Amino acid sequence: MFQLGVHALISIVIYLITIGLSFQIMKSVRIERIIRKGKTFEAQLLLIFTAIGLGFLVGNFFVTLIDTSLQLSNFF
């Protein structure tokens, strides 16, 4: 039971870190060229949702990588 709590905590921390990093990266993208003038709120929402999606995918990759590497100990 304790391992599940630690795993959940590590997963949440990884997701938050990767979402934060992807948000910082997405801020450097010039999205104003794509969005019409006067639609800043929509551009900000697009930036936030894209950062959350990208951060989730990257975080999911790392969580799965950690889970798989921990299961390799059962192989030997």
Protein backbone atom coordinates (compact mmCIF):
# COMPACT_ATOMS: atom_id res chain seq x y z
CA MET A 1 0.00 0.00 0.00
CA PHE A 2 2.87 2.36 0.81
CA GLN A 3 4.43 1.70 -2.61
CA LEU A 4 1.24 2.81 -4.35
CA GLY A 5 1.31 6.10 -2.46
CA VAL A 6 4.94 6.72 -3.32
CA HIS A 7 4.30 5.82 -6.96
CA ALA A 8 1.33 8.19 -7.13
CA LEU A 9 3.33 11.01 -5.54
CA ILE A 10 6.25 10.51 -7.93
CA SER A 11 3.86 10.43 -10.89
CA ILE A 12 2.18 13.67 -9.85
CA VAL A 13 5.53 15.40 -9.37
CA ILE A 14 6.77 14.20 -12.77
CA TYR A 15 3.56 15.39 -14.47
CA LEU A 16 3.76 18.82 -12.83
CA ILE A 17 7.42 19.26 -13.74
CA THR A 18 6.91 18.25 -17.36
CA ILE A 19 3.81 20.45 -17.72
CA GLY A 20 5.77 23.39 -16.29
CA LEU A 21 8.70 22.76 -18.61
CA SER A 22 6.46 22.40 -21.65
CA PHE A 23 4.70 25.65 -20.72
CA GLN A 24 8.05 27.44 -20.59
CA ILE A 25 8.97 25.98 -23.96
CA MET A 26 5.60 26.84 -25.51
CA LYS A 27 5.97 30.48 -24.44
CA SER A 28 8.85 30.81 -26.87
CA VAL A 29 6.64 29.78 -29.82
CA ARG A 30 5.24 32.73 -31.75
CA ILE A 31 1.60 31.77 -31.85
CA GLU A 32 0.49 35.32 -32.72
CA ARG A 33 1.19 34.60 -36.39
CA ILE A 34 -1.48 31.90 -36.46
CA ILE A 35 -4.19 33.50 -34.29
CA ARG A 36 -6.26 36.43 -35.55
CA LYS A 37 -5.79 39.87 -34.02
CA GLY A 38 -7.92 40.54 -30.97
CA LYS A 39 -8.08 36.87 -29.97
CA THR A 40 -5.51 36.96 -27.18
CA PHE A 41 -7.67 35.02 -24.72
CA GLU A 42 -8.08 32.17 -27.18
CA ALA A 43 -4.35 32.23 -27.93
CA GLN A 44 -3.56 31.98 -24.22
CA LEU A 45 -5.98 29.08 -23.79
CA LEU A 46 -4.42 27.32 -26.78
CA LEU A 47 -0.99 27.82 -25.24
CA ILE A 48 -2.09 26.46 -21.87
CA PHE A 49 -3.91 23.42 -23.27
CA THR A 50 -1.07 22.60 -25.65
CA ALA A 51 1.41 22.82 -22.78
CA ILE A 52 -0.76 20.55 -20.62
CA GLY A 53 -1.13 18.02 -23.43
CA LEU A 54 2.57 18.01 -24.28
CA GLY A 55 3.54 17.86 -20.61
CA PHE A 56 1.18 14.96 -20.01
CA LEU A 57 2.60 13.00 -22.95
CA VAL A 58 6.20 13.57 -21.88
CA GLY A 59 5.36 12.83 -18.24
CA ASN A 60 3.53 9.68 -19.24
CA PHE A 61 6.60 8.57 -21.15
CA PHE A 62 8.83 9.03 -18.09
CA VAL A 63 6.36 7.36 -15.70
CA THR A 64 6.04 4.38 -18.05
CA LEU A 65 9.82 4.24 -18.43
CA ILE A 66 10.26 4.16 -14.65
CA ASP A 67 7.54 1.51 -14.23
CA THR A 68 9.05 -0.67 -16.93
CA SER A 69 12.55 -0.36 -15.55
CA LEU A 70 11.31 -1.32 -12.08
CA GLN A 71 9.62 -4.40 -13.55
CA LEU A 72 12.89 -5.48 -15.14
CA SER A 73 14.06 -6.61 -11.71
CA ASN A 74 11.46 -9.38 -11.91
CA PHE A 75 13.08 -10.63 -15.09
CA PHE A 76 16.40 -11.53 -13.45
